[in-house]
PDB file of all heavy atoms in Angstrom:
ATOM      1  N   ILE A   1      80.880 107.736 111.594  1.00  0.00           N
ATOM      2  CA  ILE A   1      82.038 107.971 112.433  1.00  0.00           C
ATOM      3  C   ILE A   1      82.036 106.961 113.566  1.00  0.00           C
ATOM      4  O   ILE A   1      80.979 106.574 114.068  1.00  0.00           O
ATOM      5  CB  ILE A   1      82.066 109.418 112.977  1.00  0.00           C
ATOM      6  CG1 ILE A   1      83.405 109.708 113.659  1.00  0.00           C
ATOM      7  CG2 ILE A   1      80.898 109.678 113.912  1.00  0.00           C
ATOM      8  CD1 ILE A   1      83.618 111.183 113.985  1.00  0.00           C
ATOM      9  N   SER A   2      83.211 106.523 113.961  1.00  0.00           N
ATOM     10  CA  SER A   2      83.329 105.550 115.028  1.00  0.00           C
ATOM     11  C   SER A   2      84.661 105.722 115.736  1.00  0.00           C
ATOM     12  O   SER A   2      85.570 106.380 115.225  1.00  0.00           O
ATOM     13  CB  SER A   2      83.200 104.119 114.492  1.00  0.00           C
ATOM     14  OG  SER A   2      84.247 103.828 113.579  1.00  0.00           O
ATOM     15  N   MET A   3      84.763 105.140 116.919  1.00  0.00           N
ATOM     16  CA  MET A   3      86.015 105.055 117.650  1.00  0.00           C
ATOM     17  C   MET A   3      86.433 103.601 117.737  1.00  0.00           C
ATOM     18  O   MET A   3      85.593 102.707 117.742  1.00  0.00           O
ATOM     19  CB  MET A   3      85.874 105.615 119.062  1.00  0.00           C
ATOM     20  CG  MET A   3      85.905 107.117 119.171  1.00  0.00           C
ATOM     21  SD  MET A   3      85.968 107.619 120.915  1.00  0.00           S
ATOM     22  CE  MET A   3      86.069 109.400 120.735  1.00  0.00           C
ATOM     23  N   ASP A   4      87.737 103.384 117.815  1.00  0.00           N
ATOM     24  CA  ASP A   4      88.196 102.023 118.010  1.00  0.00           C
ATOM     25  C   ASP A   4      87.962 101.609 119.456  1.00  0.00           C
ATOM     26  O   ASP A   4      87.526 102.406 120.289  1.00  0.00           O
ATOM     27  CB  ASP A   4      89.667 101.868 117.596  1.00  0.00           C
ATOM     28  CG  ASP A   4      90.632 102.620 118.507  1.00  0.00           C
ATOM     29  OD1 ASP A   4      90.189 103.274 119.471  1.00  0.00           O
ATOM     30  OD2 ASP A   4      91.848 102.546 118.247  1.00  0.00           O
ATOM     31  N   ASN A   5      88.277 100.351 119.758  1.00  0.00           N
ATOM     32  CA  ASN A   5      87.997  99.832 121.096  1.00  0.00           C
ATOM     33  C   ASN A   5      88.794 100.542 122.181  1.00  0.00           C
ATOM     34  O   ASN A   5      88.322 100.662 123.315  1.00  0.00           O
ATOM     35  CB  ASN A   5      88.275  98.329 121.143  1.00  0.00           C
ATOM     36  CG  ASN A   5      87.276  97.528 120.336  1.00  0.00           C
ATOM     37  OD1 ASN A   5      86.150  97.969 120.116  1.00  0.00           O
ATOM     38  ND2 ASN A   5      87.677  96.345 119.910  1.00  0.00           N
ATOM     39  N   ALA A   6      89.973 100.990 121.842  1.00  0.00           N
ATOM     40  CA  ALA A   6      90.801 101.719 122.796  1.00  0.00           C
ATOM     41  C   ALA A   6      90.385 103.176 122.933  1.00  0.00           C
ATOM     42  O   ALA A   6      90.912 103.884 123.787  1.00  0.00           O
ATOM     43  CB  ALA A   6      92.269 101.632 122.393  1.00  0.00           C
ATOM     44  N   LYS A   7      89.483 103.612 122.071  1.00  0.00           N
ATOM     45  CA  LYS A   7      88.967 104.984 122.084  1.00  0.00           C
ATOM     46  C   LYS A   7      90.064 106.019 121.930  1.00  0.00           C
ATOM     47  O   LYS A   7      90.042 107.077 122.568  1.00  0.00           O
ATOM     48  CB  LYS A   7      88.156 105.233 123.353  1.00  0.00           C
ATOM     49  CG  LYS A   7      86.937 104.341 123.488  1.00  0.00           C
ATOM     50  CD  LYS A   7      86.063 104.765 124.646  1.00  0.00           C
ATOM     51  CE  LYS A   7      84.894 103.817 124.835  1.00  0.00           C
ATOM     52  NZ  LYS A   7      84.019 103.768 123.638  1.00  0.00           N
ATOM     53  N   ASN A   8      91.017 105.712 121.076  1.00  0.00           N
ATOM     54  CA  ASN A   8      92.071 106.670 120.782  1.00  0.00           C
ATOM     55  C   ASN A   8      92.158 107.007 119.296  1.00  0.00           C
ATOM     56  O   ASN A   8      93.017 107.794 118.893  1.00  0.00           O
ATOM     57  CB  ASN A   8      93.423 106.165 121.286  1.00  0.00           C
ATOM     58  CG  ASN A   8      93.855 104.870 120.625  1.00  0.00           C
ATOM     59  OD1 ASN A   8      93.182 104.338 119.752  1.00  0.00           O
ATOM     60  ND2 ASN A   8      95.006 104.355 121.045  1.00  0.00           N
ATOM     61  N   THR A   9      91.290 106.427 118.499  1.00  0.00           N
ATOM     62  CA  THR A   9      91.287 106.660 117.064  1.00  0.00           C
ATOM     63  C   THR A   9      89.865 106.874 116.578  1.00  0.00           C
ATOM     64  O   THR A   9      88.964 106.109 116.935  1.00  0.00           O
ATOM     65  CB  THR A   9      91.905 105.470 116.309  1.00  0.00           C
ATOM     66  OG1 THR A   9      93.249 105.267 116.757  1.00  0.00           O
ATOM     67  CG2 THR A   9      91.910 105.726 114.807  1.00  0.00           C
ATOM     68  N   ALA A  10      89.672 107.896 115.786  1.00  0.00           N
ATOM     69  CA  ALA A  10      88.379 108.168 115.166  1.00  0.00           C
ATOM     70  C   ALA A  10      88.446 107.813 113.695  1.00  0.00           C
ATOM     71  O   ALA A  10      89.376 108.227 112.991  1.00  0.00           O
ATOM     72  CB  ALA A  10      87.989 109.631 115.344  1.00  0.00           C
ATOM     73  N   ILE A  11      87.459 107.072 113.244  1.00  0.00           N
ATOM     74  CA  ILE A  11      87.375 106.646 111.854  1.00  0.00           C
ATOM     75  C   ILE A  11      86.165 107.315 111.203  1.00  0.00           C
ATOM     76  O   ILE A  11      85.054 107.220 111.720  1.00  0.00           O
ATOM     77  CB  ILE A  11      87.246 105.123 111.730  1.00  0.00           C
ATOM     78  CG1 ILE A  11      88.386 104.416 112.461  1.00  0.00           C
ATOM     79  CG2 ILE A  11      87.192 104.718 110.259  1.00  0.00           C
ATOM     80  CD1 ILE A  11      89.751 104.714 111.905  1.00  0.00           C
ATOM     81  N   LEU A  12      86.400 107.978 110.103  1.00  0.00           N
ATOM     82  CA  LEU A  12      85.327 108.551 109.305  1.00  0.00           C
ATOM     83  C   LEU A  12      85.245 107.779 108.000  1.00  0.00           C
ATOM     84  O   LEU A  12      86.182 107.808 107.201  1.00  0.00           O
ATOM     85  CB  LEU A  12      85.567 110.036 109.027  1.00  0.00           C
ATOM     86  CG  LEU A  12      84.488 110.744 108.207  1.00  0.00           C
ATOM     87  CD1 LEU A  12      83.198 110.876 109.020  1.00  0.00           C
ATOM     88  CD2 LEU A  12      84.964 112.114 107.743  1.00  0.00           C
ATOM     89  N   ARG A  13      84.145 107.093 107.805  1.00  0.00           N
ATOM     90  CA  ARG A  13      83.913 106.344 106.579  1.00  0.00           C
ATOM     91  C   ARG A  13      82.952 107.139 105.706  1.00  0.00           C
ATOM     92  O   ARG A  13      81.845 107.446 106.123  1.00  0.00           O
ATOM     93  CB  ARG A  13      83.360 104.955 106.881  1.00  0.00           C
ATOM     94  CG  ARG A  13      84.344 104.049 107.617  1.00  0.00           C
ATOM     95  CD  ARG A  13      83.739 102.691 107.936  1.00  0.00           C
ATOM     96  NE  ARG A  13      84.734 101.769 108.480  1.00  0.00           N
ATOM     97  CZ  ARG A  13      85.030 101.675 109.766  1.00  0.00           C
ATOM     98  NH1 ARG A  13      84.406 102.438 110.661  1.00  0.00           N
ATOM     99  NH2 ARG A  13      85.958 100.816 110.184  1.00  0.00           N
ATOM    100  N   MET A  14      83.390 107.448 104.516  1.00  0.00           N
ATOM    101  CA  MET A  14      82.624 108.250 103.586  1.00  0.00           C
ATOM    102  C   MET A  14      82.342 107.430 102.335  1.00  0.00           C
ATOM    103  O   MET A  14      83.250 106.829 101.760  1.00  0.00           O
ATOM    104  CB  MET A  14      83.379 109.526 103.209  1.00  0.00           C
ATOM    105  CG  MET A  14      83.779 110.382 104.394  1.00  0.00           C
ATOM    106  SD  MET A  14      84.589 111.932 103.891  1.00  0.00           S
ATOM    107  CE  MET A  14      86.137 111.286 103.251  1.00  0.00           C
ATOM    108  N   LYS A  15      81.096 107.425 101.916  1.00  0.00           N
ATOM    109  CA  LYS A  15      80.724 106.742 100.689  1.00  0.00           C
ATOM    110  C   LYS A  15      79.850 107.647  99.833  1.00  0.00           C
ATOM    111  O   LYS A  15      79.348 108.667 100.299  1.00  0.00           O
ATOM    112  CB  LYS A  15      80.020 105.419 100.987  1.00  0.00           C
ATOM    113  CG  LYS A  15      78.696 105.555 101.716  1.00  0.00           C
ATOM    114  CD  LYS A  15      78.060 104.195 101.958  1.00  0.00           C
ATOM    115  CE  LYS A  15      76.710 104.318 102.637  1.00  0.00           C
ATOM    116  NZ  LYS A  15      76.089 102.982 102.872  1.00  0.00           N
ATOM    117  N   ILE A  16      79.671 107.238  98.599  1.00  0.00           N
ATOM    118  CA  ILE A  16      78.918 108.017  97.620  1.00  0.00           C
ATOM    119  C   ILE A  16      79.409 109.460  97.637  1.00  0.00           C
ATOM    120  O   ILE A  16      78.632 110.412  97.736  1.00  0.00           O
ATOM    121  CB  ILE A  16      77.396 107.944  97.878  1.00  0.00           C
ATOM    122  CG1 ILE A  16      76.965 106.525  98.262  1.00  0.00           C
ATOM    123  CG2 ILE A  16      76.627 108.386  96.625  1.00  0.00           C
ATOM    124  CD1 ILE A  16      75.508 106.386  98.607  1.00  0.00           C
ATOM    125  N   LEU A  17      80.690 109.614  97.535  1.00  0.00           N
ATOM    126  CA  LEU A  17      81.288 110.934  97.595  1.00  0.00           C
ATOM    127  C   LEU A  17      80.869 111.782  96.406  1.00  0.00           C
ATOM    128  O   LEU A  17      80.686 111.286  95.296  1.00  0.00           O
ATOM    129  CB  LEU A  17      82.803 110.822  97.657  1.00  0.00           C
ATOM    130  CG  LEU A  17      83.350 110.396  99.020  1.00  0.00           C
ATOM    131  CD1 LEU A  17      84.777 109.899  98.908  1.00  0.00           C
ATOM    132  CD2 LEU A  17      83.264 111.562 100.005  1.00  0.00           C
ATOM    133  N   LYS A  18      80.726 113.068  96.668  1.00  0.00           N
ATOM    134  CA  LYS A  18      80.317 114.035  95.664  1.00  0.00           C
ATOM    135  C   LYS A  18      81.393 115.101  95.520  1.00  0.00           C
ATOM    136  O   LYS A  18      82.235 115.269  96.399  1.00  0.00           O
ATOM    137  CB  LYS A  18      78.989 114.693  96.065  1.00  0.00           C
ATOM    138  CG  LYS A  18      77.870 113.720  96.378  1.00  0.00           C
ATOM    139  CD  LYS A  18      76.655 114.451  96.924  1.00  0.00           C
ATOM    140  CE  LYS A  18      75.539 113.486  97.269  1.00  0.00           C
ATOM    141  NZ  LYS A  18      74.343 114.186  97.809  1.00  0.00           N
ATOM    142  N   SER A  19      81.329 115.828  94.428  1.00  0.00           N
ATOM    143  CA  SER A  19      82.296 116.899  94.221  1.00  0.00           C
ATOM    144  C   SER A  19      82.215 117.936  95.340  1.00  0.00           C
ATOM    145  O   SER A  19      83.235 118.544  95.696  1.00  0.00           O
ATOM    146  CB  SER A  19      82.078 117.571  92.868  1.00  0.00           C
ATOM    147  OG  SER A  19      80.782 118.139  92.775  1.00  0.00           O
ATOM    148  N   GLU A  20      81.034 118.122  95.910  1.00  0.00           N
ATOM    149  CA  GLU A  20      80.854 119.070  97.001  1.00  0.00           C
ATOM    150  C   GLU A  20      81.574 118.653  98.273  1.00  0.00           C
ATOM    151  O   GLU A  20      81.713 119.462  99.194  1.00  0.00           O
ATOM    152  CB  GLU A  20      79.362 119.256  97.315  1.00  0.00           C
ATOM    153  CG  GLU A  20      78.517 119.635  96.120  1.00  0.00           C
ATOM    154  CD  GLU A  20      77.851 118.443  95.479  1.00  0.00           C
ATOM    155  OE1 GLU A  20      78.528 117.735  94.703  1.00  0.00           O
ATOM    156  OE2 GLU A  20      76.654 118.208  95.759  1.00  0.00           O
ATOM    157  N   ASP A  21      82.012 117.403  98.343  1.00  0.00           N
ATOM    158  CA  ASP A  21      82.754 116.927  99.503  1.00  0.00           C
ATOM    159  C   ASP A  21      84.227 117.303  99.449  1.00  0.00           C
ATOM    160  O   ASP A  21      84.958 117.059 100.412  1.00  0.00           O
ATOM    161  CB  ASP A  21      82.627 115.406  99.628  1.00  0.00           C
ATOM    162  CG  ASP A  21      81.204 114.959  99.886  1.00  0.00           C
ATOM    163  OD1 ASP A  21      80.502 115.607 100.678  1.00  0.00           O
ATOM    164  OD2 ASP A  21      80.790 113.942  99.275  1.00  0.00           O
ATOM    165  N   THR A  22      84.653 117.868  98.355  1.00  0.00           N
ATOM    166  CA  THR A  22      86.046 118.268  98.207  1.00  0.00           C
ATOM    167  C   THR A  22      86.429 119.311  99.247  1.00  0.00           C
ATOM    168  O   THR A  22      85.695 120.267  99.489  1.00  0.00           O
ATOM    169  CB  THR A  22      86.302 118.817  96.802  1.00  0.00           C
ATOM    170  OG1 THR A  22      86.124 117.770  95.844  1.00  0.00           O
ATOM    171  CG2 THR A  22      87.716 119.367  96.669  1.00  0.00           C
ATOM    172  N   GLY A  23      87.584 119.131  99.863  1.00  0.00           N
ATOM    173  CA  GLY A  23      88.062 120.091 100.839  1.00  0.00           C
ATOM    174  C   GLY A  23      89.180 119.514 101.673  1.00  0.00           C
ATOM    175  O   GLY A  23      89.606 118.372 101.493  1.00  0.00           O
ATOM    176  N   ASN A  24      89.653 120.333 102.587  1.00  0.00           N
ATOM    177  CA  ASN A  24      90.649 119.906 103.544  1.00  0.00           C
ATOM    178  C   ASN A  24      89.925 119.421 104.797  1.00  0.00           C
ATOM    179  O   ASN A  24      89.115 120.151 105.371  1.00  0.00           O
ATOM    180  CB  ASN A  24      91.600 121.049 103.882  1.00  0.00           C
ATOM    181  CG  ASN A  24      92.944 120.579 104.394  1.00  0.00           C
ATOM    182  OD1 ASN A  24      93.303 119.418 104.265  1.00  0.00           O
ATOM    183  ND2 ASN A  24      93.707 121.494 104.975  1.00  0.00           N
ATOM    184  N   TYR A  25      90.202 118.206 105.198  1.00  0.00           N
ATOM    185  CA  TYR A  25      89.523 117.595 106.338  1.00  0.00           C
ATOM    186  C   TYR A  25      90.444 117.602 107.553  1.00  0.00           C
ATOM    187  O   TYR A  25      91.579 117.141 107.485  1.00  0.00           O
ATOM    188  CB  TYR A  25      89.092 116.171 106.002  1.00  0.00           C
ATOM    189  CG  TYR A  25      87.865 116.114 105.129  1.00  0.00           C
ATOM    190  CD1 TYR A  25      87.890 116.601 103.828  1.00  0.00           C
ATOM    191  CD2 TYR A  25      86.664 115.589 105.603  1.00  0.00           C
ATOM    192  CE1 TYR A  25      86.761 116.577 103.027  1.00  0.00           C
ATOM    193  CE2 TYR A  25      85.533 115.553 104.807  1.00  0.00           C
ATOM    194  CZ  TYR A  25      85.586 116.044 103.525  1.00  0.00           C
ATOM    195  OH  TYR A  25      84.460 116.010 102.733  1.00  0.00           O
ATOM    196  N   TYR A  26      89.923 118.109 108.673  1.00  0.00           N
ATOM    197  CA  TYR A  26      90.694 118.262 109.894  1.00  0.00           C
ATOM    198  C   TYR A  26      90.128 117.395 111.003  1.00  0.00           C
ATOM    199  O   TYR A  26      88.920 117.407 111.260  1.00  0.00           O
ATOM    200  CB  TYR A  26      90.670 119.714 110.378  1.00  0.00           C
ATOM    201  CG  TYR A  26      91.293 120.711 109.438  1.00  0.00           C
ATOM    202  CD1 TYR A  26      90.547 121.312 108.438  1.00  0.00           C
ATOM    203  CD2 TYR A  26      92.632 121.067 109.566  1.00  0.00           C
ATOM    204  CE1 TYR A  26      91.114 122.236 107.578  1.00  0.00           C
ATOM    205  CE2 TYR A  26      93.210 121.992 108.716  1.00  0.00           C
ATOM    206  CZ  TYR A  26      92.440 122.572 107.726  1.00  0.00           C
ATOM    207  OH  TYR A  26      93.002 123.499 106.878  1.00  0.00           O
ATOM    208  N   CYS A  27      91.000 116.670 111.646  1.00  0.00           N
ATOM    209  CA  CYS A  27      90.610 115.935 112.844  1.00  0.00           C
ATOM    210  C   CYS A  27      90.652 116.865 114.050  1.00  0.00           C
ATOM    211  O   CYS A  27      91.500 117.757 114.130  1.00  0.00           O
ATOM    212  CB  CYS A  27      91.550 114.750 113.067  1.00  0.00           C
ATOM    213  SG  CYS A  27      91.169 113.778 114.540  1.00  0.00           S
ATOM    214  N   TRP A  28      89.741 116.646 114.972  1.00  0.00           N
ATOM    215  CA  TRP A  28      89.696 117.416 116.212  1.00  0.00           C
ATOM    216  C   TRP A  28      89.475 116.464 117.385  1.00  0.00           C
ATOM    217  O   TRP A  28      88.734 115.489 117.269  1.00  0.00           O
ATOM    218  CB  TRP A  28      88.561 118.440 116.161  1.00  0.00           C
ATOM    219  CG  TRP A  28      88.357 119.193 117.448  1.00  0.00           C
ATOM    220  CD1 TRP A  28      88.976 120.343 117.827  1.00  0.00           C
ATOM    221  CD2 TRP A  28      87.468 118.841 118.513  1.00  0.00           C
ATOM    222  NE1 TRP A  28      88.525 120.734 119.066  1.00  0.00           N
ATOM    223  CE2 TRP A  28      87.596 119.832 119.514  1.00  0.00           C
ATOM    224  CE3 TRP A  28      86.574 117.796 118.722  1.00  0.00           C
ATOM    225  CZ2 TRP A  28      86.872 119.805 120.697  1.00  0.00           C
ATOM    226  CZ3 TRP A  28      85.843 117.758 119.909  1.00  0.00           C
ATOM    227  CH2 TRP A  28      85.994 118.760 120.871  1.00  0.00           C
ATOM    228  N   VAL A  29      90.137 116.756 118.487  1.00  0.00           N
ATOM    229  CA  VAL A  29      89.937 115.969 119.692  1.00  0.00           C
ATOM    230  C   VAL A  29      89.767 116.902 120.883  1.00  0.00           C
ATOM    231  O   VAL A  29      90.523 117.861 121.044  1.00  0.00           O
ATOM    232  CB  VAL A  29      91.101 114.979 119.930  1.00  0.00           C
ATOM    233  CG1 VAL A  29      92.442 115.700 120.040  1.00  0.00           C
ATOM    234  CG2 VAL A  29      90.840 114.142 121.173  1.00  0.00           C
ATOM    235  N   GLY A  30      88.755 116.641 121.677  1.00  0.00           N
ATOM    236  CA  GLY A  30      88.550 117.348 122.921  1.00  0.00           C
ATOM    237  C   GLY A  30      89.005 116.478 124.071  1.00  0.00           C
ATOM    238  O   GLY A  30      88.629 115.312 124.150  1.00  0.00           O
ATOM    239  N   VAL A  31      89.815 117.037 124.947  1.00  0.00           N
ATOM    240  CA  VAL A  31      90.420 116.249 126.017  1.00  0.00           C
ATOM    241  C   VAL A  31      90.281 116.937 127.364  1.00  0.00           C
ATOM    242  O   VAL A  31      90.087 118.154 127.449  1.00  0.00           O
ATOM    243  CB  VAL A  31      91.918 115.969 125.749  1.00  0.00           C
ATOM    244  CG1 VAL A  31      92.122 115.339 124.384  1.00  0.00           C
ATOM    245  CG2 VAL A  31      92.734 117.252 125.876  1.00  0.00           C
ATOM    246  N   TRP A  32      90.384 116.134 128.418  1.00  0.00           N
ATOM    247  CA  TRP A  32      90.564 116.638 129.757  1.00  0.00           C
ATOM    248  C   TRP A  32      92.045 116.562 130.058  1.00  0.00           C
ATOM    249  O   TRP A  32      92.635 115.478 130.052  1.00  0.00           O
ATOM    250  CB  TRP A  32      89.762 115.819 130.765  1.00  0.00           C
ATOM    251  CG  TRP A  32      90.058 116.175 132.193  1.00  0.00           C
ATOM    252  CD1 TRP A  32      90.839 115.489 133.063  1.00  0.00           C
ATOM    253  CD2 TRP A  32      89.562 117.307 132.905  1.00  0.00           C
ATOM    254  NE1 TRP A  32      90.871 116.116 134.277  1.00  0.00           N
ATOM    255  CE2 TRP A  32      90.093 117.241 134.218  1.00  0.00           C
ATOM    256  CE3 TRP A  32      88.721 118.366 132.576  1.00  0.00           C
ATOM    257  CZ2 TRP A  32      89.810 118.205 135.184  1.00  0.00           C
ATOM    258  CZ3 TRP A  32      88.435 119.318 133.535  1.00  0.00           C
ATOM    259  CH2 TRP A  32      88.980 119.231 134.820  1.00  0.00           C
ATOM    260  N   ASP A  33      92.637 117.711 130.308  1.00  0.00           N
ATOM    261  CA  ASP A  33      94.057 117.807 130.575  1.00  0.00           C
ATOM    262  C   ASP A  33      94.293 117.640 132.072  1.00  0.00           C
ATOM    263  O   ASP A  33      93.807 118.443 132.871  1.00  0.00           O
ATOM    264  CB  ASP A  33      94.599 119.157 130.090  1.00  0.00           C
ATOM    265  CG  ASP A  33      96.111 119.250 130.128  1.00  0.00           C
ATOM    266  OD1 ASP A  33      96.698 118.953 131.181  1.00  0.00           O
ATOM    267  OD2 ASP A  33      96.708 119.637 129.103  1.00  0.00           O
ATOM    268  N   TYR A  34      95.042 116.607 132.442  1.00  0.00           N
ATOM    269  CA  TYR A  34      95.259 116.327 133.857  1.00  0.00           C
ATOM    270  C   TYR A  34      96.080 117.409 134.556  1.00  0.00           C
ATOM    271  O   TYR A  34      95.829 117.705 135.727  1.00  0.00           O
ATOM    272  CB  TYR A  34      95.974 114.989 134.030  1.00  0.00           C
ATOM    273  CG  TYR A  34      95.202 113.794 133.534  1.00  0.00           C
ATOM    274  CD1 TYR A  34      95.868 112.723 132.933  1.00  0.00           C
ATOM    275  CD2 TYR A  34      93.824 113.707 133.677  1.00  0.00           C
ATOM    276  CE1 TYR A  34      95.174 111.617 132.486  1.00  0.00           C
ATOM    277  CE2 TYR A  34      93.124 112.612 133.224  1.00  0.00           C
ATOM    278  CZ  TYR A  34      93.799 111.561 132.636  1.00  0.00           C
ATOM    279  OH  TYR A  34      93.110 110.457 132.190  1.00  0.00           O
ATOM    280  N   SER A  35      97.025 117.998 133.849  1.00  0.00           N
ATOM    281  CA  SER A  35      97.901 118.975 134.482  1.00  0.00           C
ATOM    282  C   SER A  35      97.212 120.321 134.690  1.00  0.00           C
ATOM    283  O   SER A  35      97.372 120.949 135.743  1.00  0.00           O
ATOM    284  CB  SER A  35      99.182 119.150 133.670  1.00  0.00           C
ATOM    285  OG  SER A  35      98.914 119.678 132.385  1.00  0.00           O
ATOM    286  N   THR A  36      96.485 120.782 133.685  1.00  0.00           N
ATOM    287  CA  THR A  36      95.787 122.061 133.801  1.00  0.00           C
ATOM    288  C   THR A  36      94.407 121.919 134.418  1.00  0.00           C
ATOM    289  O   THR A  36      93.795 122.929 134.796  1.00  0.00           O
ATOM    290  CB  THR A  36      95.652 122.735 132.433  1.00  0.00           C
ATOM    291  OG1 THR A  36      94.840 121.909 131.579  1.00  0.00           O
ATOM    292  CG2 THR A  36      97.013 122.929 131.787  1.00  0.00           C
ATOM    293  N   ARG A  37      93.919 120.697 134.478  1.00  0.00           N
ATOM    294  CA  ARG A  37      92.598 120.404 135.043  1.00  0.00           C
ATOM    295  C   ARG A  37      91.509 121.206 134.343  1.00  0.00           C
ATOM    296  O   ARG A  37      90.666 121.858 134.966  1.00  0.00           O
ATOM    297  CB  ARG A  37      92.593 120.670 136.557  1.00  0.00           C
ATOM    298  CG  ARG A  37      93.649 119.865 137.299  1.00  0.00           C
ATOM    299  CD  ARG A  37      93.723 120.237 138.760  1.00  0.00           C
ATOM    300  NE  ARG A  37      92.559 119.785 139.503  1.00  0.00           N
ATOM    301  CZ  ARG A  37      92.366 119.973 140.805  1.00  0.00           C
ATOM    302  NH1 ARG A  37      93.289 120.623 141.511  1.00  0.00           N
ATOM    303  NH2 ARG A  37      91.277 119.529 141.391  1.00  0.00           N
TER     304      ARG A  37
END
């Protein structure tokens, strides 16, 4: 897993995939919200 230089995109590189890797993949981001603090 990596972030781009702007740190706004997450890249997941998967290799040697197996049948057990089958599924729905969800991205998640944790943020600091300026308005709600």
